[in-house]
Amino acid sequence: MNLSTLKPAKGSVKTNKRVGRGPGSGWGGTAGRGHKGAQSRSGYKRKFGFEGGQMPLQRRVPKFGFTSPNKVVYSVINLDRLQTLAEQTGKSSLTIEDFVSHGLIGKKDKLKVLGNGEITSKVEVNAHAFSKSAVKAIEEAGGKANKL
């Protein structure tokens, strides 16, 4: 084998359709573009979403809703989840890194602790936000809720 004998696999390369090369080819005359009109001209490009003059879907459907650029989205963890994590790790202080390493939140997520469930361990919890009931329950168990 040498470089001069290399060629593509059989059937992998198709020849281009040569349109507009006379009537004998079957693609002469209008070259498969029909008669006249914008679509037959060179340089024609249909606008994105154009539906042939019919009212396009984008304009048929009404506008609604609003997304605030200032909204803060939290990943939430309840007290019962905190309790199991404290038992598993045996730590007296839980940080964001602990939650990330156990796959409870993403690396870039902000964390909010909610008050669903019970906590009995004396744990210091570091999070971005807490509900009032969560803070109350953590402090009643002898722990601390530190806001980042």
C-alpha atoms as a PDB file:
ATOM      1  CA  MET A   1       0.000   0.000   0.000  1.00  0.00           C
ATOM      2  CA  ASN A   2       1.225   3.498  -0.817  1.00  0.00           C
ATOM      3  CA  LEU A   3      -0.275   7.000  -0.931  1.00  0.00           C
ATOM      4  CA  SER A   4      -0.893   6.926  -4.673  1.00  0.00           C
ATOM      5  CA  THR A   5      -3.317   3.992  -4.372  1.00  0.00           C
ATOM      6  CA  LEU A   6      -5.514   5.434  -1.598  1.00  0.00           C
ATOM      7  CA  LYS A   7      -9.114   6.161  -2.504  1.00  0.00           C
ATOM      8  CA  PRO A   8     -12.393   6.523  -0.573  1.00  0.00           C
ATOM      9  CA  ALA A   9     -14.525   3.485   0.259  1.00  0.00           C
ATOM     10  CA  LYS A  10     -16.931   2.361  -2.433  1.00  0.00           C
ATOM     11  CA  GLY A  11     -20.257   4.213  -2.217  1.00  0.00           C
ATOM     12  CA  SER A  12     -19.019   6.807   0.271  1.00  0.00           C
ATOM     13  CA  VAL A  13     -18.569   9.640  -2.233  1.00  0.00           C
ATOM     14  CA  LYS A  14     -21.477  10.932  -4.311  1.00  0.00           C
ATOM     15  CA  THR A  15     -21.070  13.113  -7.401  1.00  0.00           C
ATOM     16  CA  ASN A  16     -22.859  16.469  -7.307  1.00  0.00           C
ATOM     17  CA  LYS A  17     -26.042  16.958  -9.318  1.00  0.00           C
ATOM     18  CA  ARG A  18     -25.023  19.234 -12.196  1.00  0.00           C
ATOM     19  CA  VAL A  19     -28.113  21.297 -12.930  1.00  0.00           C
ATOM     20  CA  GLY A  20     -28.614  23.753 -15.775  1.00  0.00           C
ATOM     21  CA  ARG A  21     -26.451  21.829 -18.261  1.00  0.00           C
ATOM     22  CA  GLY A  22     -28.834  21.386 -21.171  1.00  0.00           C
ATOM     23  CA  PRO A  23     -32.088  19.547 -21.901  1.00  0.00           C
ATOM     24  CA  GLY A  24     -30.462  16.135 -22.278  1.00  0.00           C
ATOM     25  CA  SER A  25     -29.583  15.990 -18.580  1.00  0.00           C
ATOM     26  CA  GLY A  26     -33.187  16.438 -17.458  1.00  0.00           C
ATOM     27  CA  TRP A  27     -32.103  19.381 -15.273  1.00  0.00           C
ATOM     28  CA  GLY A  28     -31.716  21.994 -18.018  1.00  0.00           C
ATOM     29  CA  GLY A  29     -33.817  25.112 -18.545  1.00  0.00           C
ATOM     30  CA  THR A  30     -35.086  26.069 -15.107  1.00  0.00           C
ATOM     31  CA  ALA A  31     -32.624  23.746 -13.316  1.00  0.00           C
ATOM     32  CA  GLY A  32     -35.289  22.303 -11.015  1.00  0.00           C
ATOM     33  CA  ARG A  33     -36.302  25.728  -9.664  1.00  0.00           C
ATOM     34  CA  GLY A  34     -39.692  26.113 -11.361  1.00  0.00           C
ATOM     35  CA  HIS A  35     -40.604  29.227 -13.359  1.00  0.00           C
ATOM     36  CA  LYS A  36     -39.623  32.757 -12.353  1.00  0.00           C
ATOM     37  CA  GLY A  37     -40.218  34.288  -8.938  1.00  0.00           C
ATOM     38  CA  ALA A  38     -37.873  34.989  -6.043  1.00  0.00           C
ATOM     39  CA  GLN A  39     -37.138  31.308  -5.344  1.00  0.00           C
ATOM     40  CA  SER A  40     -35.721  30.839  -8.833  1.00  0.00           C
ATOM     41  CA  ARG A  41     -33.251  33.719  -8.523  1.00  0.00           C
ATOM     42  CA  SER A  42     -29.711  33.454  -7.226  1.00  0.00           C
ATOM     43  CA  GLY A  43     -29.201  34.992  -3.803  1.00  0.00           C
ATOM     44  CA  TYR A  44     -32.716  34.073  -2.649  1.00  0.00           C
ATOM     45  CA  LYS A  45     -32.927  33.303   1.044  1.00  0.00           C
ATOM     46  CA  ARG A  46     -36.199  32.634   2.885  1.00  0.00           C
ATOM     47  CA  LYS A  47     -36.604  34.463   6.198  1.00  0.00           C
ATOM     48  CA  PHE A  48     -36.429  32.224   9.255  1.00  0.00           C
ATOM     49  CA  GLY A  49     -39.973  31.230  10.262  1.00  0.00           C
ATOM     50  CA  PHE A  50     -41.508  32.358   6.939  1.00  0.00           C
ATOM     51  CA  GLU A  51     -44.599  30.298   6.140  1.00  0.00           C
ATOM     52  CA  GLY A  52     -45.410  31.458   2.625  1.00  0.00           C
ATOM     53  CA  GLY A  53     -47.417  34.509   3.667  1.00  0.00           C
ATOM     54  CA  GLN A  54     -49.539  32.636   6.211  1.00  0.00           C
ATOM     55  CA  MET A  55     -49.411  34.275   9.649  1.00  0.00           C
ATOM     56  CA  PRO A  56     -46.321  32.620  11.189  1.00  0.00           C
ATOM     57  CA  LEU A  57     -46.539  30.600  14.392  1.00  0.00           C
ATOM     58  CA  GLN A  58     -44.382  33.099  16.251  1.00  0.00           C
ATOM     59  CA  ARG A  59     -46.977  35.839  15.615  1.00  0.00           C
ATOM     60  CA  ARG A  60     -50.071  33.636  15.982  1.00  0.00           C
ATOM     61  CA  VAL A  61     -49.245  32.712  19.585  1.00  0.00           C
ATOM     62  CA  PRO A  62     -49.706  35.538  22.122  1.00  0.00           C
ATOM     63  CA  LYS A  63     -46.876  36.931  24.224  1.00  0.00           C
ATOM     64  CA  PHE A  64     -46.973  36.214  27.944  1.00  0.00           C
ATOM     65  CA  GLY A  65     -44.812  35.984  31.035  1.00  0.00           C
ATOM     66  CA  PHE A  66     -41.808  37.750  32.425  1.00  0.00           C
ATOM     67  CA  THR A  67     -38.489  36.536  33.832  1.00  0.00           C
ATOM     68  CA  SER A  68     -36.864  38.792  36.387  1.00  0.00           C
ATOM     69  CA  PRO A  69     -33.109  39.175  35.878  1.00  0.00           C
ATOM     70  CA  ASN A  70     -32.707  39.677  39.641  1.00  0.00           C
ATOM     71  CA  LYS A  71     -34.432  36.477  40.786  1.00  0.00           C
ATOM     72  CA  VAL A  72     -32.269  34.252  42.985  1.00  0.00           C
ATOM     73  CA  VAL A  73     -32.886  30.528  42.528  1.00  0.00           C
ATOM     74  CA  TYR A  74     -31.998  28.271  45.454  1.00  0.00           C
ATOM     75  CA  SER A  75     -31.442  24.540  45.721  1.00  0.00           C
ATOM     76  CA  VAL A  76     -33.346  23.462  48.827  1.00  0.00           C
ATOM     77  CA  ILE A  77     -32.545  20.937  51.541  1.00  0.00           C
ATOM     78  CA  ASN A  78     -34.885  20.009  54.374  1.00  0.00           C
ATOM     79  CA  LEU A  79     -33.992  19.333  58.011  1.00  0.00           C
ATOM     80  CA  ASP A  80     -34.451  15.560  57.706  1.00  0.00           C
ATOM     81  CA  ARG A  81     -31.827  15.542  54.917  1.00  0.00           C
ATOM     82  CA  LEU A  82     -29.501  17.556  57.183  1.00  0.00           C
ATOM     83  CA  GLN A  83     -29.997  15.017  59.967  1.00  0.00           C
ATOM     84  CA  THR A  84     -29.036  12.051  57.763  1.00  0.00           C
ATOM     85  CA  LEU A  85     -26.021  13.947  56.373  1.00  0.00           C
ATOM     86  CA  ALA A  86     -24.848  14.834  59.887  1.00  0.00           C
ATOM     87  CA  GLU A  87     -25.161  11.161  60.922  1.00  0.00           C
ATOM     88  CA  GLN A  88     -23.306   9.943  57.803  1.00  0.00           C
ATOM     89  CA  THR A  89     -20.401  12.383  58.029  1.00  0.00           C
ATOM     90  CA  GLY A  90     -20.203  12.655  61.813  1.00  0.00           C
ATOM     91  CA  LYS A  91     -19.261  16.327  61.446  1.00  0.00           C
ATOM     92  CA  SER A  92     -20.388  19.080  63.797  1.00  0.00           C
ATOM     93  CA  SER A  93     -20.219  21.691  61.037  1.00  0.00           C
ATOM     94  CA  LEU A  94     -21.771  21.327  57.576  1.00  0.00           C
ATOM     95  CA  THR A  95     -20.508  23.590  54.784  1.00  0.00           C
ATOM     96  CA  ILE A  96     -21.514  24.070  51.144  1.00  0.00           C
ATOM     97  CA  GLU A  97     -18.616  21.788  50.110  1.00  0.00           C
ATOM     98  CA  ASP A  98     -20.124  18.933  52.161  1.00  0.00           C
ATOM     99  CA  PHE A  99     -23.443  19.248  50.319  1.00  0.00           C
ATOM    100  CA  VAL A 100     -21.693  19.409  46.936  1.00  0.00           C
ATOM    101  CA  SER A 101     -19.455  16.405  47.652  1.00  0.00           C
ATOM    102  CA  HIS A 102     -22.489  14.301  48.652  1.00  0.00           C
ATOM    103  CA  GLY A 103     -24.304  15.324  45.442  1.00  0.00           C
ATOM    104  CA  LEU A 104     -27.141  17.157  47.184  1.00  0.00           C
ATOM    105  CA  ILE A 105     -26.544  20.414  45.299  1.00  0.00           C
ATOM    106  CA  GLY A 106     -24.500  21.596  42.313  1.00  0.00           C
ATOM    107  CA  LYS A 107     -21.169  23.365  42.615  1.00  0.00           C
ATOM    108  CA  LYS A 108     -22.566  26.772  41.584  1.00  0.00           C
ATOM    109  CA  ASP A 109     -25.957  26.443  43.328  1.00  0.00           C
ATOM    110  CA  LYS A 110     -27.099  28.617  46.185  1.00  0.00           C
ATOM    111  CA  LEU A 111     -28.461  26.644  49.146  1.00  0.00           C
ATOM    112  CA  LYS A 112     -31.581  27.274  51.204  1.00  0.00           C
ATOM    113  CA  VAL A 113     -32.443  25.163  54.250  1.00  0.00           C
ATOM    114  CA  LEU A 114     -36.168  24.549  54.808  1.00  0.00           C
ATOM    115  CA  GLY A 115     -37.878  23.364  57.975  1.00  0.00           C
ATOM    116  CA  ASN A 116     -39.517  20.120  56.845  1.00  0.00           C
ATOM    117  CA  GLY A 117     -38.651  17.129  59.044  1.00  0.00           C
ATOM    118  CA  GLU A 118     -36.783  16.958  62.347  1.00  0.00           C
ATOM    119  CA  ILE A 119     -33.200  17.540  63.396  1.00  0.00           C
ATOM    120  CA  THR A 120     -31.773  16.198  66.645  1.00  0.00           C
ATOM    121  CA  SER A 121     -28.021  16.580  66.040  1.00  0.00           C
ATOM    122  CA  LYS A 122     -26.134  19.607  67.320  1.00  0.00           C
ATOM    123  CA  VAL A 123     -24.877  20.890  63.978  1.00  0.00           C
ATOM    124  CA  GLU A 124     -23.549  24.210  62.696  1.00  0.00           C
ATOM    125  CA  VAL A 125     -25.016  24.706  59.212  1.00  0.00           C
ATOM    126  CA  ASN A 126     -23.611  27.146  56.632  1.00  0.00           C
ATOM    127  CA  ALA A 127     -26.006  28.076  53.810  1.00  0.00           C
ATOM    128  CA  HIS A 128     -27.049  31.050  51.702  1.00  0.00           C
ATOM    129  CA  ALA A 129     -30.573  31.232  53.159  1.00  0.00           C
ATOM    130  CA  PHE A 130     -32.755  29.667  55.865  1.00  0.00           C
ATOM    131  CA  SER A 131     -36.478  29.587  56.504  1.00  0.00           C
ATOM    132  CA  LYS A 132     -37.576  30.838  59.936  1.00  0.00           C
ATOM    133  CA  SER A 133     -38.775  27.376  60.966  1.00  0.00           C
ATOM    134  CA  ALA A 134     -35.422  25.840  59.943  1.00  0.00           C
ATOM    135  CA  VAL A 135     -33.434  28.348  62.030  1.00  0.00           C
ATOM    136  CA  LYS A 136     -35.735  27.732  65.010  1.00  0.00           C
ATOM    137  CA  ALA A 137     -35.388  23.934  64.757  1.00  0.00           C
ATOM    138  CA  ILE A 138     -31.587  24.014  64.324  1.00  0.00           C
ATOM    139  CA  GLU A 139     -31.136  26.320  67.330  1.00  0.00           C
ATOM    140  CA  GLU A 140     -33.525  24.236  69.476  1.00  0.00           C
ATOM    141  CA  ALA A 141     -31.341  21.196  68.738  1.00  0.00           C
ATOM    142  CA  GLY A 142     -28.330  23.172  70.025  1.00  0.00           C
ATOM    143  CA  GLY A 143     -26.864  23.978  66.623  1.00  0.00           C
ATOM    144  CA  LYS A 144     -26.206  27.188  64.715  1.00  0.00           C
ATOM    145  CA  ALA A 145     -27.504  28.540  61.380  1.00  0.00           C
ATOM    146  CA  ASN A 146     -24.821  30.630  59.671  1.00  0.00           C
ATOM    147  CA  LYS A 147     -25.882  32.682  56.645  1.00  0.00           C
ATOM    148  CA  LEU A 148     -23.217  33.074  53.936  1.00  0.00           C
END
